[in-house]
C-alpha atoms as a PDB file:
ATOM      1  CA  MET A   1      -0.190  17.491 -11.559  1.00  0.00           C
ATOM      2  CA  VAL A   2      -1.456  14.459 -13.307  1.00  0.00           C
ATOM      3  CA  MET A   3       1.703  12.929 -13.178  1.00  0.00           C
ATOM      4  CA  LEU A   4       2.125  13.818  -9.269  1.00  0.00           C
ATOM      5  CA  HIS A   5      -1.778  12.389  -8.129  1.00  0.00           C
ATOM      6  CA  GLY A   6      -0.398   9.237 -10.271  1.00  0.00           C
ATOM      7  CA  ARG A   7       2.772   8.810  -7.807  1.00  0.00           C
ATOM      8  CA  ILE A   8       0.010   9.418  -4.989  1.00  0.00           C
ATOM      9  CA  ARG A   9      -1.948   7.039  -5.625  1.00  0.00           C
ATOM     10  CA  LEU A  10       0.680   4.463  -6.500  1.00  0.00           C
ATOM     11  CA  ILE A  11       2.411   5.294  -3.046  1.00  0.00           C
ATOM     12  CA  GLN A  12      -0.943   4.734  -1.242  1.00  0.00           C
ATOM     13  CA  SER A  13      -1.683   1.517  -3.004  1.00  0.00           C
ATOM     14  CA  SER A  14       2.016   0.100  -2.512  1.00  0.00           C
ATOM     15  CA  THR A  15       1.312   0.869   1.434  1.00  0.00           C
ATOM     16  CA  PHE A  16      -1.717  -0.211   1.462  1.00  0.00           C
ATOM     17  CA  LEU A  17      -0.291  -3.506   0.091  1.00  0.00           C
ATOM     18  CA  GLN A  18       2.310  -3.791   2.381  1.00  0.00           C
ATOM     19  CA  ALA A  19       0.241  -3.532   5.428  1.00  0.00           C
ATOM     20  CA  SER A  20      -2.365  -5.617   4.299  1.00  0.00           C
ATOM     21  CA  GLN A  21       0.833  -8.542   4.087  1.00  0.00           C
ATOM     22  CA  ILE A  22       1.801  -7.695   7.306  1.00  0.00           C
ATOM     23  CA  TRP A  23      -1.959  -8.065   8.906  1.00  0.00           C
ATOM     24  CA  TRP A  24      -1.904 -11.328   7.503  1.00  0.00           C
ATOM     25  CA  TRP A  25       1.605 -12.504   8.902  1.00  0.00           C
ATOM     26  CA  GLN A  26       0.118 -11.229  12.409  1.00  0.00           C
ATOM     27  CA  ALA A  27      -2.866 -13.697  11.733  1.00  0.00           C
ATOM     28  CA  GLU A  28      -0.972 -16.346  10.513  1.00  0.00           C
ATOM     29  CA  GLU A  29       0.534 -16.505  13.984  1.00  0.00           C
END
């Protein structure tokens, strides 16, 4: 259960990073 929770957290953080990168690219243009 702890492993699953850690994996979900990892996915959430990586998704947030990707979203922020896309937002930055849009702001650049």
